[in-house]
Amino acid sequence: MTVPVKTTGGYKNMFSAPLTRLVTGLRLTSSRFPVVSSLSTSSCSTKTTPLTPCWSPLTMSICKLRTAPPSPSRSQVETKLSPNQSIMTEESELRSETLDLINKSIETGAGRLFAVVHVRGIQFKVTQGDLVMVQTDMGAPVGASIVLNKLLALGSQDFTLLGRPVLPRDLASVEATVIEKTLSRTKVVQKFKRRERARHIHFQRSKWTLLRVNLINVTGRVGETLDSAGTENI
């Protein structure tokens, strides 16, 4: 009995691509795969060709996966009783501990403070000794001292306080001095209508105020303020 095998034409092209995708996508259970050799008219012989086993991500052994070490933030809020038991710290205790650390840092000297102030619709990040050009007239004469108490953020190298949207007014304030009152550069505003010989030219200069930040003063303790300005809209 003879087994006819068609080595050229449709059979080879039909099974080559699907067989390649199947071998590369699945885990091989054997390191050898039988391949049919050229047949004579009387018998059918096979030869084996060694193949490199391919591993699929879904069939990879779980024992070879490494788990990441616990994060330091999680280990700080846990108290280990046994390898399988731990006690979680309450949120109120964590909050009070954080506020105590911030207040202690402010009392002992937090270093160079920075603040984000809201002045006439514009935000400025300032620190002690900065010059701030406010693009409006503040209404104070040259040499006058003003207090900016609408702070959006306050911080140092060790901590940062964010308002919602502003911080309480009895927590901190920024003291500044009016250095100069001037006008901006001339802006040319031109309007015209084509083919109608209509053109209007307007010159505009805005009033600017130059401020020098003298001091960022922390007047209260964090978490012990009486002002409820942290929940109002700007």
Protein backbone atom coordinates (compact mmCIF):
# COMPACT_ATOMS: atom_id res chain seq x y z
CA MET A 1 0.00 0.00 0.00
CA THR A 2 1.43 3.37 -0.98
CA VAL A 3 0.82 6.75 0.67
CA PRO A 4 0.87 9.57 -1.85
CA VAL A 5 2.35 12.79 -0.49
CA LYS A 6 2.26 16.03 -2.43
CA THR A 7 5.42 17.99 -1.52
CA THR A 8 4.84 20.90 -3.87
CA GLY A 9 1.79 23.01 -4.40
CA GLY A 10 -1.18 23.44 -2.07
CA TYR A 11 -0.36 21.14 0.89
CA LYS A 12 2.96 22.79 1.73
CA ASN A 13 1.66 26.34 1.43
CA MET A 14 -1.54 25.46 3.30
CA PHE A 15 0.04 24.10 6.50
CA SER A 16 3.35 25.99 6.76
CA ALA A 17 2.08 29.31 8.18
CA PRO A 18 -0.57 27.91 10.62
CA LEU A 19 1.88 25.30 11.91
CA THR A 20 4.54 27.96 12.56
CA ARG A 21 2.11 30.13 14.55
CA LEU A 22 0.93 27.12 16.55
CA VAL A 23 4.45 26.05 17.51
CA THR A 24 5.56 29.55 18.57
CA GLY A 25 2.40 30.29 20.58
CA LEU A 26 2.00 27.09 22.60
CA ARG A 27 4.23 25.24 25.02
CA LEU A 28 5.78 22.16 23.40
CA THR A 29 5.50 18.98 25.45
CA SER A 30 8.34 17.33 23.63
CA SER A 31 11.71 18.57 22.46
CA ARG A 32 11.43 16.64 19.21
CA PHE A 33 8.85 16.96 16.50
CA PRO A 34 8.39 14.33 13.78
CA VAL A 35 8.81 15.55 10.22
CA VAL A 36 7.81 13.47 7.21
CA SER A 37 10.65 12.90 4.77
CA SER A 38 10.48 12.23 1.07
CA LEU A 39 8.55 8.98 0.44
CA SER A 40 9.19 6.30 -2.00
CA THR A 41 6.48 4.38 -3.76
CA SER A 42 6.74 1.45 -1.33
CA SER A 43 7.21 2.76 2.22
CA CYS A 44 6.76 5.80 4.48
CA SER A 45 9.69 6.90 6.68
CA THR A 46 9.99 9.76 9.18
CA LYS A 47 12.91 11.68 10.68
CA THR A 48 13.06 13.75 13.84
CA THR A 49 14.38 17.30 13.99
CA PRO A 50 15.21 18.87 17.41
CA LEU A 51 13.29 22.09 18.09
CA THR A 52 13.84 24.67 20.79
CA PRO A 53 10.82 24.67 23.15
CA CYS A 54 8.88 27.94 23.08
CA TRP A 55 7.21 29.20 26.23
CA SER A 56 4.00 31.15 26.27
CA PRO A 57 3.51 33.93 28.89
CA LEU A 58 0.30 32.24 30.02
CA THR A 59 1.92 28.85 30.64
CA MET A 60 5.04 30.13 32.46
CA SER A 61 5.52 28.56 35.85
CA ILE A 62 4.41 30.75 38.74
CA CYS A 63 7.33 29.69 40.89
CA LYS A 64 9.70 31.65 38.64
CA LEU A 65 7.92 34.97 39.24
CA ARG A 66 9.42 37.29 41.87
CA THR A 67 7.25 39.45 44.07
CA ALA A 68 8.25 43.05 44.81
CA PRO A 69 9.26 43.98 48.36
CA PRO A 70 6.65 45.82 50.44
CA SER A 71 6.60 49.58 49.98
CA PRO A 72 7.99 51.66 52.86
CA SER A 73 4.75 53.61 53.23
CA ARG A 74 2.79 50.42 53.87
CA SER A 75 5.33 49.06 56.35
CA GLN A 76 5.22 52.31 58.33
CA VAL A 77 1.46 52.09 58.96
CA GLU A 78 1.53 48.40 59.94
CA THR A 79 2.45 46.74 63.25
CA LYS A 80 3.57 43.16 62.75
CA LEU A 81 2.23 40.66 65.29
CA SER A 82 3.20 37.51 63.41
CA PRO A 83 4.21 36.60 59.87
CA ASN A 84 0.52 36.38 58.95
CA GLN A 85 -1.02 39.05 61.20
CA SER A 86 -0.59 42.82 61.41
CA ILE A 87 -2.45 45.82 62.88
CA MET A 88 -3.19 48.83 60.67
CA THR A 89 -2.79 52.31 62.15
CA GLU A 90 -5.94 54.45 62.22
CA GLU A 91 -6.20 57.37 59.78
CA SER A 92 -6.77 59.87 62.58
CA GLU A 93 -3.55 58.79 64.30
CA LEU A 94 -1.59 59.18 61.05
CA ARG A 95 -3.09 62.64 60.47
CA SER A 96 -2.28 63.88 63.98
CA GLU A 97 1.26 62.51 63.73
CA THR A 98 1.80 64.29 60.38
CA LEU A 99 0.47 67.60 61.75
CA ASP A 100 2.75 67.34 64.79
CA LEU A 101 5.78 66.81 62.57
CA ILE A 102 4.89 69.83 60.40
CA ASN A 103 4.30 72.11 63.41
CA LYS A 104 7.57 70.99 65.00
CA SER A 105 9.40 71.72 61.75
CA ILE A 106 7.91 75.24 61.59
CA GLU A 107 8.72 76.00 65.23
CA THR A 108 12.33 74.81 65.02
CA GLY A 109 12.93 76.65 61.74
CA ALA A 110 11.78 75.13 58.47
CA GLY A 111 14.38 76.98 56.43
CA ARG A 112 13.50 78.97 53.33
CA LEU A 113 9.73 79.06 52.86
CA PHE A 114 7.87 79.51 49.58
CA ALA A 115 4.26 80.44 48.91
CA VAL A 116 1.85 80.60 46.00
CA VAL A 117 -0.17 83.82 46.27
CA HIS A 118 -3.28 84.81 44.33
CA VAL A 119 -3.20 88.48 43.29
CA ARG A 120 -5.89 89.95 41.02
CA GLY A 121 -6.62 86.68 39.21
CA ILE A 122 -2.97 85.62 38.70
CA GLN A 123 -0.90 83.13 40.72
CA PHE A 124 2.71 83.87 41.74
CA LYS A 125 5.16 81.51 43.40
CA VAL A 126 7.29 83.69 45.68
CA THR A 127 9.90 83.46 48.40
CA GLN A 128 11.62 86.01 50.60
CA GLY A 129 13.39 88.72 48.59
CA ASP A 130 11.62 88.14 45.25
CA LEU A 131 10.41 90.91 42.94
CA VAL A 132 6.86 90.46 41.62
CA MET A 133 5.38 92.51 38.78
CA VAL A 134 1.61 92.64 39.21
CA GLN A 135 -0.12 93.65 35.99
CA THR A 136 -2.63 95.94 37.66
CA ASP A 137 -2.83 98.89 40.04
CA MET A 138 -2.77 97.68 43.64
CA GLY A 139 -4.13 100.98 44.95
CA ALA A 140 -1.26 101.51 47.42
CA PRO A 141 1.32 104.32 47.06
CA VAL A 142 5.02 103.76 46.48
CA GLY A 143 6.78 102.69 49.70
CA ALA A 144 3.64 101.31 51.36
CA SER A 145 3.64 97.86 52.99
CA ILE A 146 0.84 95.47 52.06
CA VAL A 147 -0.20 92.02 53.30
CA LEU A 148 -1.19 89.23 50.89
CA ASN A 149 -3.26 86.67 52.78
CA LYS A 150 -4.79 84.68 49.92
CA LEU A 151 -2.34 81.78 49.72
CA LEU A 152 -2.89 78.73 47.56
CA ALA A 153 0.13 76.79 48.86
CA LEU A 154 2.84 77.04 51.50
CA GLY A 155 5.89 74.86 51.92
CA SER A 156 9.57 74.34 52.49
CA GLN A 157 12.12 71.62 51.87
CA ASP A 158 10.38 69.20 54.27
CA PHE A 159 6.64 69.79 53.74
CA THR A 160 4.04 71.37 51.44
CA LEU A 161 0.57 72.60 52.43
CA LEU A 162 -2.08 72.87 49.70
CA GLY A 163 -5.30 74.86 50.05
CA ARG A 164 -8.77 73.81 48.95
CA PRO A 165 -8.50 76.15 47.10
CA VAL A 166 -6.90 78.61 49.57
CA LEU A 167 -5.25 78.16 52.96
CA PRO A 168 -6.87 79.58 56.14
CA ARG A 169 -6.13 83.30 56.50
CA ASP A 170 -4.95 82.94 60.10
CA LEU A 171 -2.34 80.33 59.14
CA ALA A 172 0.14 82.38 57.07
CA SER A 173 0.53 85.63 55.17
CA VAL A 174 3.01 87.35 52.86
CA GLU A 175 4.31 90.86 53.58
CA ALA A 176 5.42 92.96 50.59
CA THR A 177 6.44 96.53 49.81
CA VAL A 178 5.42 98.60 46.77
CA ILE A 179 8.67 99.47 44.97
CA GLU A 180 7.42 101.10 41.76
CA LYS A 181 4.25 101.99 39.87
CA THR A 182 4.62 102.22 36.14
CA LEU A 183 2.95 101.64 32.79
CA SER A 184 3.45 98.72 30.44
CA ARG A 185 4.87 99.03 26.94
CA THR A 186 2.61 100.56 24.31
CA LYS A 187 0.34 98.09 22.58
CA VAL A 188 -0.99 98.96 19.12
CA VAL A 189 -4.51 97.72 18.41
CA GLN A 190 -5.57 98.10 14.79
CA LYS A 191 -8.97 97.35 13.26
CA PHE A 192 -9.71 97.65 9.57
CA LYS A 193 -12.20 96.59 6.94
CA ARG A 194 -10.79 95.61 3.60
CA ARG A 195 -11.86 97.41 0.43
CA GLU A 196 -13.74 100.04 2.50
CA ARG A 197 -10.88 102.39 3.53
CA ALA A 198 -11.87 101.93 7.19
CA ARG A 199 -9.01 101.66 9.70
CA HIS A 200 -8.92 102.46 13.43
CA ILE A 201 -5.66 102.51 15.44
CA HIS A 202 -5.72 102.47 19.23
CA PHE A 203 -2.74 102.69 21.63
CA GLN A 204 -3.03 100.99 25.02
CA ARG A 205 -0.82 100.99 28.15
CA SER A 206 -1.71 99.06 31.33
CA LYS A 207 -0.85 100.03 34.91
CA TRP A 208 1.73 97.76 36.58
CA THR A 209 2.89 97.55 40.20
CA LEU A 210 6.29 96.22 41.27
CA LEU A 211 6.37 94.46 44.68
CA ARG A 212 9.23 93.16 46.80
CA VAL A 213 8.44 90.22 49.10
CA ASN A 214 9.80 90.99 52.57
CA LEU A 215 8.62 88.07 54.68
CA ILE A 216 6.52 84.91 54.60
CA ASN A 217 5.04 84.82 58.09
CA VAL A 218 3.43 81.71 59.61
CA THR A 219 1.00 83.02 62.22
CA GLY A 220 -0.80 79.83 63.32
CA ARG A 221 -0.41 76.13 63.86
CA VAL A 222 -1.44 73.65 61.20
CA GLY A 223 -4.72 71.95 62.11
CA GLU A 224 -5.60 74.49 64.84
CA THR A 225 -6.85 77.44 62.77
CA LEU A 226 -10.28 79.03 63.25
CA ASP A 227 -10.74 80.40 59.74
CA SER A 228 -12.81 78.25 57.35
CA ALA A 229 -11.49 79.90 54.19
CA GLY A 230 -10.11 76.62 52.87
CA THR A 231 -13.46 75.59 51.39
CA GLU A 232 -14.51 78.80 49.64
CA ASN A 233 -14.21 79.60 45.94
CA ILE A 234 -11.70 82.13 44.66
